[in-house]
Amino acid sequence: MWRYDNGFLINDKGKVLEVDGCQDVENRVVSVANKKGDICQQFDLIYADEYPEEPKKGELNKEFGFYVERPFYIISEMSSNRYIQVLDGKKLVIKTANGLNEQVFYFDQTSKTIKSK
């Protein structure tokens, strides 16, 4: 029998779930241990029907601060206000605004990265 209390999943013997070794690494085992109050013993519960959906195209991803797949320019704050441009498909440079797609970027929600158009 388990209960959830203030971030801890506690069984009927007072033991809690814990990420082994308190190491935040992929595929780390979760086991039952004596309660010490460590962060590796604390969990949040999010009910599946209340889980927030990923932002869709045109919506703001609040965690990253970008609108999904909405084109944008990256403009230098230096006095010339040049635009970042992809040059030769691989190098980033600053250039005067020229209307080329190489100066247009967007946030890809799937990969959580900025991509060039």
Protein backbone atom coordinates (compact mmCIF):
# COMPACT_ATOMS: atom_id res chain seq x y z
CA MET A 1 0.00 0.00 0.00
CA TRP A 2 1.36 3.40 -1.02
CA ARG A 3 0.46 7.00 -0.26
CA TYR A 4 1.71 10.29 -1.64
CA ASP A 5 2.72 12.83 1.00
CA ASN A 6 4.47 16.13 0.36
CA GLY A 7 6.51 14.86 -2.60
CA PHE A 8 7.26 11.40 -1.23
CA LEU A 9 5.75 8.07 -2.30
CA ILE A 10 5.62 6.17 1.02
CA ASN A 11 4.72 2.54 1.58
CA ASP A 12 2.95 1.07 4.61
CA LYS A 13 6.34 0.40 6.27
CA GLY A 14 7.41 4.07 6.00
CA LYS A 15 9.89 3.44 3.19
CA VAL A 16 9.98 5.66 0.09
CA LEU A 17 10.85 5.40 -3.57
CA GLU A 18 14.41 6.50 -4.32
CA VAL A 19 16.58 6.87 -7.42
CA ASP A 20 19.54 4.59 -6.62
CA GLY A 21 22.72 6.40 -5.65
CA CYS A 22 20.95 9.74 -6.06
CA GLN A 23 22.41 9.86 -9.57
CA ASP A 24 20.29 11.62 -12.18
CA VAL A 25 21.27 9.42 -15.13
CA GLU A 26 19.22 7.75 -17.83
CA ASN A 27 17.99 4.23 -16.95
CA ARG A 28 18.96 4.57 -13.27
CA VAL A 29 17.09 2.07 -11.08
CA VAL A 30 14.34 3.25 -8.71
CA SER A 31 14.03 1.22 -5.51
CA VAL A 32 12.59 1.36 -1.99
CA ALA A 33 14.72 2.91 0.78
CA ASN A 34 14.56 4.49 4.21
CA LYS A 35 13.34 8.08 4.06
CA LYS A 36 16.20 10.59 4.30
CA GLY A 37 14.49 13.53 2.62
CA ASP A 38 16.97 13.70 -0.27
CA ILE A 39 15.88 15.18 -3.59
CA CYS A 40 16.32 11.75 -5.20
CA GLN A 41 13.42 10.55 -3.03
CA GLN A 42 11.03 13.32 -4.06
CA PHE A 43 8.64 13.13 -7.00
CA ASP A 44 5.85 15.19 -8.53
CA LEU A 45 2.62 13.57 -9.62
CA ILE A 46 0.92 14.76 -12.79
CA TYR A 47 -2.32 13.01 -13.65
CA ALA A 48 -2.40 11.97 -17.30
CA ASP A 49 -5.66 13.79 -18.01
CA GLU A 50 -4.14 17.00 -16.62
CA TYR A 51 -0.76 16.70 -18.36
CA PRO A 52 -0.14 19.85 -20.37
CA GLU A 53 -0.02 19.34 -24.11
CA GLU A 54 3.03 20.33 -26.10
CA PRO A 55 2.62 23.73 -27.72
CA LYS A 56 1.47 23.54 -31.32
CA LYS A 57 2.59 25.58 -34.30
CA GLY A 58 2.25 29.28 -33.53
CA GLU A 59 1.88 28.76 -29.75
CA LEU A 60 4.44 29.95 -27.20
CA ASN A 61 6.67 27.36 -25.56
CA LYS A 62 6.98 29.09 -22.17
CA GLU A 63 9.92 26.96 -21.04
CA PHE A 64 12.09 27.92 -24.01
CA GLY A 65 10.60 31.35 -24.80
CA PHE A 66 9.95 30.71 -28.51
CA TYR A 67 6.79 30.48 -30.58
CA VAL A 68 6.64 27.07 -32.25
CA GLU A 69 7.51 27.12 -35.96
CA ARG A 70 6.97 30.87 -36.16
CA PRO A 71 9.70 32.43 -38.33
CA PHE A 72 12.02 34.96 -36.69
CA TYR A 73 15.25 36.86 -37.26
CA ILE A 74 18.15 37.03 -34.81
CA ILE A 75 19.46 40.59 -34.78
CA SER A 76 22.69 41.77 -33.18
CA GLU A 77 22.43 44.45 -30.49
CA MET A 78 25.62 46.05 -31.81
CA SER A 79 25.19 49.45 -33.45
CA SER A 80 24.83 48.04 -36.99
CA ASN A 81 21.96 45.68 -35.95
CA ARG A 82 23.09 43.03 -38.42
CA TYR A 83 21.18 39.76 -38.79
CA ILE A 84 22.57 36.30 -38.10
CA GLN A 85 22.75 34.35 -41.33
CA VAL A 86 23.68 30.77 -42.18
CA LEU A 87 26.53 30.90 -44.68
CA ASP A 88 27.39 27.93 -46.90
CA GLY A 89 24.86 25.83 -44.99
CA LYS A 90 27.03 25.51 -41.89
CA LYS A 91 28.61 28.72 -40.59
CA LEU A 92 26.82 31.52 -38.71
CA VAL A 93 27.78 35.09 -39.61
CA ILE A 94 26.28 38.54 -39.13
CA LYS A 95 25.12 40.36 -42.25
CA THR A 96 22.99 43.34 -43.23
CA ALA A 97 19.31 42.42 -43.65
CA ASN A 98 18.87 40.99 -47.14
CA GLY A 99 15.56 39.08 -47.13
CA LEU A 100 17.20 35.71 -47.75
CA ASN A 101 15.85 32.55 -46.10
CA GLU A 102 19.31 32.03 -44.60
CA GLN A 103 18.44 34.83 -42.14
CA VAL A 104 15.13 33.24 -41.10
CA PHE A 105 14.98 30.82 -38.16
CA TYR A 106 12.26 28.92 -36.30
CA PHE A 107 11.89 26.90 -33.10
CA ASP A 108 11.32 23.18 -33.68
CA GLN A 109 9.14 21.80 -30.87
CA THR A 110 10.11 18.17 -31.46
CA SER A 111 13.87 18.62 -31.15
CA LYS A 112 13.65 21.74 -28.92
CA THR A 113 16.17 23.46 -31.18
CA ILE A 114 16.42 26.53 -33.37
CA LYS A 115 16.60 25.67 -37.06
CA SER A 116 17.23 27.78 -40.12
CA LYS A 117 14.61 28.03 -42.82
